Amino acid sequence: DRSSISAATMRYLVQRKNLGIHTDFLTDDIMRLIQSRAVSNRAKKVNKGKTVATMVIGSKALYEFVDRNPYIELLPIDEVANPFIMGQNDNLVAIHAVSEMELTGVARVYNEGNLRIGSLAAGRDFINGARRSEGGFTVMALPSTTADGLESRIIAMSPGIGTTFTRTKVDFVVTEYG
C-alpha cells in the first residue's frame, strides 16, 4: 500500500545527501527523512531551502515539527502541483505508488468507493513536472503481489478501472525486489 511504499522509499533515501522535497502530502516518513539530514533543499531553483507541501497528515510529532518551521512552506495545491513550477527544479523525481502495472507499461491506481487508493489526481501534474525538469524522471512503485500473495500486480492486461498513467509517462518500475 501507499504508506508502506513511502516508508520504504524514505528509509532508502536516508543515506543520500542534499535532497529536496516538493510534495502534496508531508508525512511522518518525510519528517524522519528531513531529521536524518538527508534533505537540505539547497539545489532547488524554486523554493530554495524549503520543503514544499500542500497538506500535513500524520502524528502529533509531525504537526509540532511543522509548526513555525522556517524550512517548511505549505502552499495551495495549484502552486505545489504546477508542472511549470516543479519543472524549474533540476533532477526532479516523481515517485508514485500504483496498484498494478500492465506488461505494456500502463500503471493503474484503483479507486474504492469514495476512497482513492494510491496517488491523487495531482499525480499527473507531478509526472509532467518531472518531465519538464532537466534530468527528471518518474518511478512507479508497487508490491509485486496482492496482500494475500496469491495474485501478481504485474499483469498482461487490466480490466480498465481506476486512474491510469500511460506508458509514455513511466520511466522506472520498482517492487520490493528492485
Protein backbone atom coordinates (compact mmCIF):
# COMPACT_ATOMS: atom_id res chain seq x y z
CA ASP A 1 0.00 0.00 0.00
CA ARG A 2 0.95 3.65 -0.35
CA SER A 3 2.18 4.09 3.24
CA SER A 4 4.49 1.04 3.16
CA ILE A 5 5.95 2.19 -0.16
CA SER A 6 6.51 5.67 1.28
CA ALA A 7 8.20 4.26 4.39
CA ALA A 8 10.49 2.00 2.33
CA THR A 9 11.41 4.86 0.00
CA MET A 10 12.27 7.19 2.86
CA ARG A 11 14.42 4.52 4.57
CA TYR A 12 16.42 4.15 1.36
CA LEU A 13 16.84 7.90 0.90
CA VAL A 14 18.24 8.44 4.42
CA GLN A 15 21.71 7.60 3.07
CA ARG A 16 21.51 10.36 0.43
CA LYS A 17 22.53 13.99 0.89
CA ASN A 18 21.21 17.37 -0.26
CA LEU A 19 17.80 16.12 -1.34
CA GLY A 20 14.91 18.48 -1.96
CA ILE A 21 11.26 17.80 -1.12
CA HIS A 22 8.30 19.05 -3.18
CA THR A 23 5.19 17.00 -2.36
CA ASP A 24 1.44 17.15 -1.95
CA PHE A 25 1.49 15.38 1.46
CA LEU A 26 4.03 15.96 4.21
CA THR A 27 4.07 12.80 6.35
CA ASP A 28 5.90 11.30 9.31
CA ASP A 29 8.12 9.38 6.88
CA ILE A 30 9.19 12.63 5.21
CA MET A 31 9.72 14.26 8.62
CA ARG A 32 12.09 11.44 9.58
CA LEU A 33 13.94 11.85 6.27
CA ILE A 34 14.37 15.58 6.94
CA GLN A 35 15.53 14.90 10.50
CA SER A 36 18.15 12.46 9.16
CA ARG A 37 19.79 15.47 7.49
CA ALA A 38 19.44 13.94 4.03
CA VAL A 39 17.28 16.92 2.99
CA SER A 40 18.76 20.39 2.52
CA ASN A 41 16.66 21.76 -0.38
CA ARG A 42 19.83 23.68 -1.39
CA ALA A 43 19.81 22.62 -5.04
CA LYS A 44 16.26 23.81 -5.67
CA LYS A 45 15.87 26.76 -8.01
CA VAL A 46 12.29 27.39 -6.89
CA ASN A 47 11.54 27.39 -3.12
CA LYS A 48 15.28 27.09 -2.44
CA GLY A 49 16.00 25.90 1.09
CA LYS A 50 12.36 24.95 1.73
CA THR A 51 10.42 21.70 1.85
CA VAL A 52 7.20 22.40 -0.01
CA ALA A 53 3.85 20.67 0.58
CA THR A 54 0.12 21.31 0.47
CA MET A 55 -1.09 19.16 3.36
CA VAL A 56 0.32 17.69 6.56
CA ILE A 57 -1.01 14.28 7.54
CA GLY A 58 0.42 12.32 10.45
CA SER A 59 1.27 12.29 14.12
CA LYS A 60 1.28 15.00 16.76
CA ALA A 61 5.09 14.98 16.48
CA LEU A 62 4.78 15.83 12.78
CA TYR A 63 2.45 18.77 13.45
CA GLU A 64 4.85 20.04 16.13
CA PHE A 65 7.77 19.66 13.68
CA VAL A 66 5.95 21.70 11.02
CA ASP A 67 4.63 24.40 13.39
CA ARG A 68 6.62 27.61 12.83
CA ASN A 69 9.35 25.67 11.00
CA PRO A 70 11.02 28.22 8.68
CA TYR A 71 12.19 25.42 6.36
CA ILE A 72 8.67 24.13 5.65
CA GLU A 73 6.40 26.01 3.26
CA LEU A 74 2.75 25.00 2.88
CA LEU A 75 1.27 26.28 -0.36
CA PRO A 76 -2.02 25.84 -2.26
CA ILE A 77 -2.25 22.72 -4.42
CA ASP A 78 -2.40 24.79 -7.63
CA GLU A 79 1.12 26.03 -6.83
CA VAL A 80 2.53 22.78 -5.46
CA ALA A 81 1.18 20.62 -8.30
CA ASN A 82 2.07 23.09 -11.06
CA PRO A 83 4.27 21.27 -13.62
CA PHE A 84 5.81 24.56 -14.78
CA ILE A 85 6.96 25.43 -11.24
CA MET A 86 8.19 21.91 -10.46
CA GLY A 87 9.97 21.64 -13.79
CA GLN A 88 12.23 24.57 -12.93
CA ASN A 89 13.99 22.37 -10.36
CA ASP A 90 16.60 20.07 -11.92
CA ASN A 91 16.62 16.30 -11.36
CA LEU A 92 13.04 16.13 -10.08
CA VAL A 93 11.99 12.54 -9.39
CA ALA A 94 8.24 11.86 -9.21
CA ILE A 95 7.58 8.70 -7.17
CA HIS A 96 4.08 7.21 -7.30
CA ALA A 97 2.56 4.26 -5.51
CA VAL A 98 0.40 2.36 -8.01
CA SER A 99 -1.94 -0.62 -7.69
CA GLU A 100 -0.76 -2.57 -10.72
CA MET A 101 1.35 -2.45 -13.88
CA GLU A 102 0.49 -3.89 -17.24
CA LEU A 103 3.28 -5.56 -19.17
CA THR A 104 2.70 -2.84 -21.78
CA GLY A 105 3.83 -0.22 -19.25
CA VAL A 106 0.46 1.21 -18.23
CA ALA A 107 0.32 1.94 -14.47
CA ARG A 108 -3.05 1.90 -12.71
CA VAL A 109 -4.32 3.28 -9.41
CA TYR A 110 -7.60 1.81 -8.18
CA ASN A 111 -10.43 3.67 -6.53
CA GLU A 112 -12.61 2.01 -3.89
CA GLY A 113 -15.88 3.86 -3.41
CA ASN A 114 -15.01 7.43 -2.48
CA LEU A 115 -11.59 6.47 -1.12
CA ARG A 116 -8.70 6.79 -3.54
CA ILE A 117 -6.09 4.10 -3.06
CA GLY A 118 -2.69 5.35 -4.18
CA SER A 119 -1.84 8.59 -5.94
CA LEU A 120 -4.03 11.68 -6.03
CA ALA A 121 -5.26 13.24 -9.23
CA ALA A 122 -2.30 15.64 -8.89
CA GLY A 123 -0.08 12.65 -9.73
CA ARG A 124 -0.23 13.51 -13.42
CA ASP A 125 0.93 17.03 -12.63
CA PHE A 126 3.92 15.70 -10.68
CA ILE A 127 4.79 13.37 -13.56
CA ASN A 128 4.58 16.26 -16.02
CA GLY A 129 6.73 18.36 -13.67
CA ALA A 130 9.40 15.63 -13.65
CA ARG A 131 9.21 15.52 -17.46
CA ARG A 132 9.87 19.28 -17.63
CA SER A 133 12.76 19.05 -15.16
CA GLU A 134 16.30 18.81 -16.54
CA GLY A 135 17.39 15.26 -15.58
CA GLY A 136 13.95 14.45 -14.07
CA PHE A 137 12.17 11.10 -14.29
CA THR A 138 9.28 9.07 -12.87
CA VAL A 139 9.21 5.97 -10.70
CA MET A 140 6.12 3.79 -10.30
CA ALA A 141 6.33 1.71 -7.13
CA LEU A 142 4.15 -1.24 -6.16
CA PRO A 143 4.23 -4.52 -4.25
CA SER A 144 4.76 -7.42 -6.64
CA THR A 145 1.69 -9.31 -5.38
CA THR A 146 -1.65 -8.65 -3.70
CA ALA A 147 -1.70 -8.55 0.12
CA ASP A 148 -2.55 -12.28 0.31
CA GLY A 149 0.34 -13.09 -2.06
CA LEU A 150 -1.94 -15.02 -4.43
CA GLU A 151 -2.05 -12.66 -7.41
CA SER A 152 0.61 -10.73 -9.25
CA ARG A 153 0.22 -6.96 -9.52
CA ILE A 154 2.20 -7.07 -12.76
CA ILE A 155 -0.34 -8.26 -15.27
CA ALA A 156 -0.80 -8.77 -19.01
CA MET A 157 -3.87 -6.54 -19.25
CA SER A 158 -6.04 -4.63 -16.80
CA PRO A 159 -9.85 -4.64 -16.74
CA GLY A 160 -9.64 -0.88 -17.24
CA ILE A 161 -10.94 0.58 -13.97
CA GLY A 162 -9.24 3.27 -11.93
CA THR A 163 -6.85 6.03 -12.89
CA THR A 164 -4.05 5.28 -15.34
CA PHE A 165 -0.62 6.63 -16.13
CA THR A 166 0.29 5.87 -19.74
CA ARG A 167 3.46 4.02 -20.69
CA THR A 168 4.96 7.24 -22.09
CA LYS A 169 4.93 8.67 -18.55
CA VAL A 170 6.61 5.68 -16.85
CA ASP A 171 10.41 5.68 -16.69
CA PHE A 172 11.06 3.10 -13.94
CA VAL A 173 9.02 0.45 -12.13
CA VAL A 174 10.10 -0.71 -8.68
CA THR A 175 8.80 -3.53 -6.46
CA GLU A 176 10.16 -4.91 -3.21
CA TYR A 177 12.54 -6.93 -5.40
CA GLY A 178 14.01 -3.92 -7.16
